[in-house]
Amino acid sequence: MVDVLLDFMLGPFRGIGEFYYEHQMIFNPIVILAAFGKMWVAKKNRQEVETS
């Protein structure tokens, strides 16, 4: 039942999800590192603004 709904809602993009699930051990650390990097840069910029 869920597969039918996903096929209907995602259509041809269903293959992207399957690709992600097959390679999620590669993609998840990249996304986490990008989020931490963005937080670190924002913190650094905020500290520079406060000190000036």
N, C-alpha and C. Protein backbone atom coordinates (compact mmCIF):
# COMPACT_ATOMS: atom_id res chain seq x y z
N MET A 1 0.83 -1.20 0.00
CA MET A 1 0.00 0.00 0.00
C MET A 1 0.87 1.26 0.00
N VAL A 2 1.88 1.28 0.85
CA VAL A 2 2.75 2.45 0.91
C VAL A 2 3.53 2.61 -0.39
N ASP A 3 3.97 1.50 -0.96
CA ASP A 3 4.71 1.58 -2.22
C ASP A 3 3.84 2.16 -3.33
N VAL A 4 2.58 1.83 -3.36
CA VAL A 4 1.67 2.36 -4.37
C VAL A 4 1.53 3.87 -4.20
N LEU A 5 1.38 4.33 -2.96
CA LEU A 5 1.26 5.77 -2.71
C LEU A 5 2.54 6.51 -3.09
N LEU A 6 3.69 5.94 -2.73
CA LEU A 6 4.95 6.59 -3.08
C LEU A 6 5.14 6.64 -4.59
N ASP A 7 4.79 5.57 -5.28
CA ASP A 7 4.89 5.57 -6.74
C ASP A 7 3.99 6.64 -7.34
N PHE A 8 2.79 6.80 -6.79
CA PHE A 8 1.86 7.79 -7.31
C PHE A 8 2.36 9.21 -7.04
N MET A 9 2.85 9.47 -5.82
CA MET A 9 3.26 10.83 -5.45
C MET A 9 4.60 11.23 -6.06
N LEU A 10 5.55 10.32 -6.10
CA LEU A 10 6.89 10.67 -6.58
C LEU A 10 7.09 10.40 -8.06
N GLY A 11 6.39 9.46 -8.59
CA GLY A 11 6.50 9.15 -10.02
C GLY A 11 7.92 8.78 -10.41
N PRO A 12 8.47 9.46 -11.41
CA PRO A 12 9.81 9.10 -11.88
C PRO A 12 10.92 9.43 -10.89
N PHE A 13 10.63 10.24 -9.90
CA PHE A 13 11.65 10.59 -8.91
C PHE A 13 11.84 9.49 -7.87
N ARG A 14 11.10 8.44 -7.95
CA ARG A 14 11.22 7.33 -7.01
C ARG A 14 12.62 6.71 -7.08
N GLY A 15 13.23 6.74 -8.24
CA GLY A 15 14.58 6.20 -8.41
C GLY A 15 15.62 6.96 -7.61
N ILE A 16 15.41 8.25 -7.40
CA ILE A 16 16.34 9.05 -6.61
C ILE A 16 16.35 8.55 -5.17
N GLY A 17 15.17 8.25 -4.63
CA GLY A 17 15.08 7.74 -3.27
C GLY A 17 15.76 6.39 -3.13
N GLU A 18 15.58 5.54 -4.11
CA GLU A 18 16.23 4.23 -4.07
C GLU A 18 17.75 4.37 -4.12
N PHE A 19 18.23 5.29 -4.96
CA PHE A 19 19.67 5.54 -5.04
C PHE A 19 20.20 6.05 -3.70
N TYR A 20 19.44 6.95 -3.07
CA TYR A 20 19.85 7.48 -1.77
C TYR A 20 19.92 6.37 -0.72
N TYR A 21 18.91 5.52 -0.67
CA TYR A 21 18.89 4.45 0.33
C TYR A 21 20.04 3.47 0.12
N GLU A 22 20.42 3.25 -1.13
CA GLU A 22 21.53 2.34 -1.40
C GLU A 22 22.86 2.95 -0.98
N HIS A 23 22.98 4.28 -1.02
CA HIS A 23 24.25 4.95 -0.76
C HIS A 23 24.19 5.89 0.45
N GLN A 24 23.29 5.64 1.38
CA GLN A 24 23.10 6.57 2.49
C GLN A 24 24.30 6.60 3.44
N MET A 25 25.11 5.58 3.48
CA MET A 25 26.30 5.59 4.33
C MET A 25 27.33 6.61 3.82
N ILE A 26 27.23 6.99 2.57
CA ILE A 26 28.11 8.01 2.00
C ILE A 26 27.48 9.39 2.16
N PHE A 27 26.19 9.52 1.87
CA PHE A 27 25.53 10.83 1.87
C PHE A 27 25.30 11.40 3.26
N ASN A 28 24.94 10.58 4.22
CA ASN A 28 24.61 11.09 5.56
C ASN A 28 25.79 11.80 6.22
N PRO A 29 27.00 11.25 6.22
CA PRO A 29 28.11 12.00 6.82
C PRO A 29 28.40 13.32 6.11
N ILE A 30 28.21 13.35 4.80
CA ILE A 30 28.43 14.59 4.05
C ILE A 30 27.44 15.66 4.50
N VAL A 31 26.18 15.29 4.64
CA VAL A 31 25.15 16.24 5.07
C VAL A 31 25.43 16.72 6.49
N ILE A 32 25.80 15.81 7.38
CA ILE A 32 26.09 16.18 8.78
C ILE A 32 27.29 17.11 8.84
N LEU A 33 28.36 16.80 8.11
CA LEU A 33 29.53 17.67 8.10
C LEU A 33 29.20 19.05 7.53
N ALA A 34 28.37 19.11 6.52
CA ALA A 34 27.97 20.40 5.95
C ALA A 34 27.18 21.22 6.97
N ALA A 35 26.30 20.57 7.73
CA ALA A 35 25.52 21.29 8.74
C ALA A 35 26.43 21.81 9.85
N PHE A 36 27.36 20.97 10.33
CA PHE A 36 28.29 21.44 11.37
C PHE A 36 29.18 22.55 10.84
N GLY A 37 29.62 22.44 9.60
CA GLY A 37 30.44 23.50 9.00
C GLY A 37 29.68 24.82 8.91
N LYS A 38 28.42 24.75 8.54
CA LYS A 38 27.61 25.96 8.45
C LYS A 38 27.41 26.58 9.83
N MET A 39 27.19 25.74 10.84
CA MET A 39 27.03 26.26 12.21
C MET A 39 28.33 26.90 12.69
N TRP A 40 29.47 26.30 12.38
CA TRP A 40 30.75 26.81 12.80
C TRP A 40 31.04 28.17 12.15
N VAL A 41 30.75 28.29 10.85
CA VAL A 41 30.96 29.55 10.15
C VAL A 41 30.04 30.63 10.70
N ALA A 42 28.79 30.29 10.98
CA ALA A 42 27.86 31.27 11.54
C ALA A 42 28.32 31.73 12.91
N LYS A 43 28.81 30.83 13.73
CA LYS A 43 29.31 31.19 15.06
C LYS A 43 30.53 32.09 14.94
N LYS A 44 31.42 31.76 14.03
CA LYS A 44 32.62 32.56 13.82
C LYS A 44 32.25 33.97 13.35
N ASN A 45 31.31 34.07 12.42
CA ASN A 45 30.88 35.39 11.94
C ASN A 45 30.19 36.19 13.04
N ARG A 46 29.41 35.53 13.88
CA ARG A 46 28.73 36.22 14.96
C ARG A 46 29.74 36.76 15.97
N GLN A 47 30.80 36.00 16.26
CA GLN A 47 31.83 36.45 17.17
C GLN A 47 32.59 37.64 16.60
N GLU A 48 32.83 37.65 15.30
CA GLU A 48 33.52 38.77 14.66
C GLU A 48 32.68 40.04 14.74
N VAL A 49 31.36 39.92 14.57
CA VAL A 49 30.48 41.08 14.64
C VAL A 49 30.42 41.63 16.06
N GLU A 50 30.40 40.74 17.04
CA GLU A 50 30.33 41.18 18.44
C GLU A 50 31.61 41.87 18.89
N THR A 51 32.76 41.46 18.36
CA THR A 51 34.02 42.05 18.78
C THR A 51 34.30 43.36 18.05
N SER A 52 33.63 43.63 16.93
CA SER A 52 33.92 44.88 16.23
C SER A 52 33.05 46.01 16.65
